[in-house]
Protein backbone atom coordinates (compact mmCIF):
# COMPACT_ATOMS: atom_id res chain seq x y z
CA MET A 1 35.27 -14.23 -4.95
CA HIS A 2 35.97 -10.63 -5.87
CA PRO A 3 39.44 -10.06 -7.45
CA HIS A 4 42.10 -9.74 -4.80
CA ILE A 5 45.79 -10.13 -4.03
CA HIS A 6 46.40 -13.14 -1.79
CA THR A 7 49.68 -12.68 0.05
CA PHE A 8 51.48 -12.60 3.38
CA LEU A 9 51.99 -9.38 5.31
CA PRO A 10 54.09 -8.74 8.41
CA SER A 11 52.48 -8.89 11.84
CA SER A 12 53.52 -6.76 14.79
CA SER A 13 56.19 -9.40 15.53
CA PRO A 14 59.14 -9.54 13.10
CA ASP A 15 59.16 -13.34 12.92
CA ILE A 16 55.43 -13.89 12.24
CA SER A 17 53.61 -13.34 8.92
CA LEU A 18 49.87 -13.19 8.42
CA GLU A 19 47.78 -14.48 5.51
CA CYS A 20 46.02 -11.55 3.86
CA ARG A 21 43.68 -10.78 0.97
CA ILE A 22 43.62 -7.29 -0.53
CA TYR A 23 40.47 -6.73 -2.62
CA LEU A 24 40.64 -4.27 -5.50
CA PRO A 25 38.22 -2.79 -8.07
CA SER A 26 37.36 -5.33 -10.80
CA ALA A 27 38.88 -3.21 -13.57
CA VAL A 28 42.41 -3.90 -12.28
CA THR A 29 42.19 -7.39 -13.81
CA SER A 30 42.96 -5.82 -17.21
CA THR A 31 46.10 -4.04 -15.95
CA SER A 32 49.62 -5.22 -15.19
CA LEU A 33 48.31 -6.26 -11.77
CA GLY A 34 46.14 -8.94 -13.40
CA PRO A 35 48.65 -11.82 -13.04
CA SER A 36 48.93 -11.10 -9.30
CA LEU A 37 45.19 -11.42 -8.69
CA SER A 38 43.12 -14.33 -7.47
CA MET A 39 39.37 -14.98 -7.50
CA GLU A 40 39.48 -18.28 -5.59
CA ALA A 41 39.23 -19.08 -1.89
CA ASP A 42 41.83 -21.86 -2.18
CA SER A 43 44.47 -19.87 -4.07
CA GLU A 44 48.13 -19.90 -3.07
CA PRO A 45 49.51 -16.67 -1.58
CA ILE A 46 52.08 -14.85 -3.70
CA PRO A 47 55.22 -13.22 -2.27
CA LEU A 48 54.78 -9.60 -1.29
CA GLU A 49 57.70 -8.69 -3.58
CA ARG A 50 55.66 -9.72 -6.65
CA ILE A 51 53.09 -6.98 -6.14
CA ASP A 52 53.60 -4.10 -8.58
CA LYS A 53 53.38 -1.19 -6.14
CA ALA A 54 53.73 1.45 -8.88
CA ALA A 55 50.82 -0.02 -10.84
CA LEU A 56 48.76 -0.22 -7.67
CA ARG A 57 49.35 3.45 -6.88
CA ASP A 58 48.64 4.48 -10.48
CA TRP A 59 45.18 2.97 -10.25
CA GLY A 60 43.79 5.92 -8.27
CA ILE A 61 42.65 4.13 -5.13
CA ASN A 62 41.77 6.83 -2.62
CA ARG A 63 40.77 4.88 0.49
CA LEU A 64 41.65 1.74 2.42
CA ILE A 65 39.19 -0.33 4.43
CA THR A 66 40.86 -2.80 6.78
CA ALA A 67 38.50 -5.47 8.12
CA ALA A 68 38.72 -7.85 11.09
CA HIS A 69 36.93 -11.21 11.26
CA PRO A 70 34.98 -12.97 14.08
CA TRP A 71 36.60 -14.91 16.91
CA ALA A 72 38.84 -17.66 15.59
CA ARG A 73 38.08 -20.04 18.47
CA LEU A 74 34.48 -20.13 17.21
CA GLY A 75 35.63 -20.71 13.63
CA GLY A 76 36.01 -17.10 12.55
CA ASN A 77 38.31 -16.25 9.64
CA MET A 78 38.64 -13.76 6.80
CA LEU A 79 36.40 -15.85 4.52
CA PHE A 80 33.27 -15.26 6.63
CA PRO A 81 30.55 -13.88 4.30
CA VAL A 82 30.31 -10.48 6.02
CA ILE A 83 34.03 -9.92 5.37
CA ALA A 84 34.60 -11.77 2.08
CA HIS A 85 31.25 -11.22 0.34
CA HIS A 86 29.05 -8.44 1.73
CA LEU A 87 31.84 -5.91 2.31
CA PRO A 88 33.48 -6.18 -1.16
CA ARG A 89 30.12 -6.33 -2.91
CA ALA A 90 28.85 -3.21 -1.15
CA VAL A 91 32.03 -1.25 -1.85
CA TYR A 92 32.47 -2.21 -5.49
CA ASP A 93 28.79 -2.19 -6.46
CA ALA A 94 28.96 1.46 -5.40
CA ASN A 95 31.96 1.96 -7.75
CA CYS A 96 34.08 3.09 -4.82
CA PRO A 97 37.82 3.37 -5.67
CA ALA A 98 38.87 1.54 -2.51
CA ALA A 99 41.11 -1.31 -1.47
CA ILE A 100 39.89 -3.72 1.21
CA ALA A 101 42.48 -5.45 3.38
CA THR A 102 41.47 -8.60 5.27
CA PHE A 103 43.65 -11.02 7.19
CA ASN A 104 43.61 -14.16 9.32
CA VAL A 105 44.76 -13.62 12.89
CA ARG A 106 47.63 -15.69 14.24
CA GLY A 107 47.15 -19.43 14.04
CA VAL A 108 44.26 -19.25 11.56
CA GLY A 109 44.51 -20.45 7.96
CA LEU A 110 48.06 -19.94 6.75
CA SER A 111 48.88 -17.26 9.32
CA GLU A 112 51.80 -18.10 11.56
CA GLY A 113 51.78 -17.99 15.36
CA SER A 114 49.01 -19.01 17.75
CA GLN A 115 45.85 -17.52 19.21
CA PRO A 116 45.73 -15.97 22.69
CA TRP A 117 44.31 -18.03 25.55
CA PRO A 118 40.69 -17.24 26.44
CA GLY A 119 40.52 -14.77 29.34
CA TRP A 120 43.83 -13.14 28.48
CA GLY A 121 42.50 -10.48 26.18
CA ILE A 122 43.00 -10.18 22.45
CA GLY A 123 46.74 -10.81 22.64
CA SER A 124 48.57 -9.31 19.69
CA ASP A 125 45.50 -9.16 17.45
CA GLY A 126 45.02 -5.40 17.82
CA GLU A 127 48.67 -4.63 17.15
CA ASP A 128 48.60 -7.06 14.21
CA PHE A 129 45.58 -5.25 12.77
CA GLY A 130 47.60 -2.04 12.88
CA ALA A 131 50.62 -3.74 11.29
CA VAL A 132 48.54 -5.07 8.38
CA GLU A 133 46.94 -1.66 7.91
CA ARG A 134 50.34 0.05 7.81
CA ALA A 135 51.73 -2.52 5.36
CA VAL A 136 48.85 -1.99 2.91
CA LEU A 137 49.13 1.78 3.29
CA GLY A 138 52.78 1.33 2.32
CA LEU A 139 51.58 -0.25 -0.93
CA LEU A 140 48.86 2.32 -1.64
CA GLY A 141 50.39 5.58 -0.48
CA ASP A 142 48.44 8.44 1.09
CA VAL A 143 44.77 7.38 1.18
CA ALA A 144 41.83 7.80 3.56
CA VAL A 145 41.67 5.13 6.27
CA TYR A 146 38.51 3.23 7.24
CA ARG A 147 38.11 0.26 9.60
CA LEU A 148 35.40 -2.40 9.84
CA GLY A 149 35.21 -5.05 12.53
CA TYR A 150 32.68 -7.88 12.69
CA SER A 151 31.79 -9.48 16.05
CA TYR A 152 35.12 -10.17 17.83
CA GLY A 153 36.77 -8.09 15.13
CA THR A 154 35.21 -4.96 16.64
CA ASN A 155 37.69 -5.32 19.52
CA LEU A 156 40.57 -5.17 17.04
CA VAL A 157 39.45 -2.09 15.12
CA LEU A 158 38.94 -0.18 18.38
CA SER A 159 42.18 -1.23 20.07
CA ALA A 160 44.61 -1.05 17.11
CA PRO A 161 47.02 1.89 17.15
CA PRO A 162 45.06 4.82 15.68
CA PRO A 163 46.15 6.30 12.34
CA ASN A 164 44.52 9.36 10.82
CA LEU A 165 41.23 7.47 10.81
CA ARG A 166 38.25 8.62 8.73
CA ARG A 167 35.52 6.23 9.90
CA THR A 168 34.98 2.99 11.84
CA MET A 169 32.13 0.49 11.46
CA LEU A 170 31.29 -2.00 14.23
CA VAL A 171 29.23 -4.85 12.77
CA SER A 172 27.37 -6.90 15.40
CA PRO A 173 29.62 -6.04 18.34
CA ALA A 174 29.38 -8.51 21.22
CA PRO A 175 30.54 -6.67 24.35
CA THR A 176 28.80 -9.09 26.73
CA LEU A 177 30.05 -12.27 25.04
CA PHE A 178 33.67 -11.16 24.96
CA LYS A 179 33.77 -9.46 28.36
CA ALA A 180 35.17 -12.63 29.95
CA MET A 181 37.98 -12.69 27.39
CA THR A 182 39.54 -9.60 28.88
CA VAL A 183 38.98 -10.37 32.57
CA MET A 184 42.70 -11.09 33.11
CA CYS A 185 44.13 -8.63 30.61
CA GLY A 186 42.56 -5.60 28.93
CA PRO A 187 41.64 -3.51 27.21
CA THR A 188 37.96 -4.37 27.39
CA PHE A 189 35.57 -3.55 24.56
CA GLN A 190 34.11 -0.73 26.65
CA GLN A 191 37.52 0.78 27.40
CA SER A 192 38.44 0.74 23.72
CA LEU A 193 35.06 2.18 22.71
CA ASP A 194 35.40 4.96 25.29
CA ALA A 195 38.82 5.87 23.90
CA ALA A 196 37.43 5.93 20.35
CA LEU A 197 34.52 8.13 21.44
CA ASN A 198 36.94 10.51 23.14
CA ALA A 199 38.70 10.93 19.79
CA ALA A 200 35.54 11.08 17.65
CA PRO A 201 34.97 14.58 16.22
CA ASP A 202 31.29 13.97 15.40
CA GLY A 203 28.47 11.44 15.20
CA GLU A 204 29.48 10.17 11.76
CA THR A 205 32.92 8.79 12.70
CA ILE A 206 31.80 5.60 14.49
CA TRP A 207 29.00 3.47 13.08
CA ALA A 208 27.36 0.39 14.60
CA VAL A 209 25.27 -2.06 12.57
CA TYR A 210 23.36 -4.83 14.34
CA GLY A 211 20.23 -6.93 14.24
CA THR A 212 17.33 -6.90 16.68
CA SER A 213 17.55 -10.71 16.93
CA ASP A 214 21.30 -11.05 17.57
CA GLU A 215 21.94 -14.45 19.18
CA PHE A 216 24.80 -13.23 21.38
CA THR A 217 23.83 -9.73 22.50
CA GLY A 218 20.46 -8.34 23.52
CA VAL A 219 19.18 -5.49 21.41
CA SER A 220 18.85 -3.28 24.51
CA THR A 221 22.61 -3.63 25.09
CA LEU A 222 23.34 -2.75 21.48
CA ARG A 223 21.00 0.24 21.55
CA ALA A 224 22.79 1.47 24.68
CA LEU A 225 26.26 1.45 23.10
CA GLY A 226 28.03 4.66 23.95
CA GLY A 227 26.00 5.32 27.09
CA ARG A 228 25.65 9.05 27.64
CA ARG A 229 27.57 9.64 24.43
CA ALA A 230 25.34 7.43 22.29
CA ASP A 231 24.79 10.38 19.97
CA LEU A 232 28.41 9.96 18.82
CA ILE A 233 27.58 6.54 17.33
CA HIS A 234 25.62 6.34 14.07
CA LYS A 235 23.49 3.22 14.67
CA VAL A 236 21.86 1.13 11.95
CA GLU A 237 19.36 -1.39 13.32
CA ILE A 238 18.18 -4.28 11.11
CA GLU A 239 14.82 -5.65 12.17
CA GLY A 240 14.81 -9.43 12.75
CA CYS A 241 18.46 -9.84 11.78
CA GLY A 242 20.68 -12.25 13.70
CA HIS A 243 24.42 -12.23 14.29
CA PHE A 244 25.26 -13.94 10.99
CA TYR A 245 23.18 -11.94 8.45
CA ALA A 246 21.79 -15.22 7.13
CA ARG A 247 18.64 -13.94 5.43
CA GLY A 248 18.79 -12.30 2.04
CA GLU A 249 17.24 -9.12 3.39
CA ASP A 250 19.84 -9.01 6.18
CA GLY A 251 22.69 -9.02 3.69
CA ARG A 252 21.02 -6.35 1.57
CA SER A 253 20.50 -4.11 4.59
CA LEU A 254 24.11 -4.58 5.69
CA ARG A 255 25.42 -3.75 2.22
CA SER A 256 23.22 -0.66 2.08
CA ALA A 257 24.67 0.53 5.40
CA ILE A 258 28.23 -0.07 4.18
CA GLU A 259 27.57 1.88 0.97
CA GLU A 260 26.30 4.83 3.01
CA TRP A 261 29.22 4.58 5.45
CA ILE A 262 31.87 4.56 2.71
CA ALA A 263 30.27 7.33 0.62
C-alpha cells in the first residue's frame, strides 16, 4: 500500500471513533513522520496524539481529498481498490502535494458503532464523512478541499455538510440501486445531487466517472445525471467498464480521470 497514517478519528458522535487511513506523498517517509507511517493493510492504528502535526503542516500539502467507500452491507470498506489503490496511485503518480483521507463507516473494520438499517437512509454516514474531513483539516491547516465517493460513497460526499469545496468526483454512482435505502428517511441521492448542483459555480465542480457496462445502473441513467442541468456535471465515460474497474484498461482510465480532476 501507499504510505499512510493508520489511526482513529472522531465521528459525528462524541462516543464513536472511526478507523481511518491518511495517505501522504512518498517522500514523507524520510521525515520525522516516518515512524508514524504504515504501508500494510493489516497494520495497527496509532493514537491520534502521536501524529506530528507541525511536521505534517511543514510538508507543504495544499489539498485534501476525502474519499468514501462502497456500501458496507455488500462488503464495501476503505480497502476497496478504487479507494486504496487507484486513487492514491493517480494522485501521487502525478506528483500532487495532497493528502487523501479514507475511513471505514460505523461497524466496519475497527470502526465503532453499527450500520444503519436498510431503507432508513445513510444514517450518520454523511455527518461522519464531514467529521473525518474536519479532523484531517485540523491536522493539515488551510488547504483546498476535494471529495471523492465511489458507489454508495457518492451519497456521503453529496450529503456531508459542505465546506469551502473545490471539486467533487462521483465514481460509479448508483442512484437506482440505493433509491430503496432512502424510502423511509432521506435525503435521496437525487435530492443531494440537486443541492450540490444548486451550489456549483460551473461545469468543472462536479465530476462523474462511470462505465458503459455498469452492473448496477444502466448507462442511460448515468448519462442523464443532472437532468436539465447535465451541463454542470463533467462526465467521463469508460467504454465497456463495469462497476468494479476490474480490467487493466478500466483502472488506467479511472486514474487518468482522477489526475485531470485533481490538476
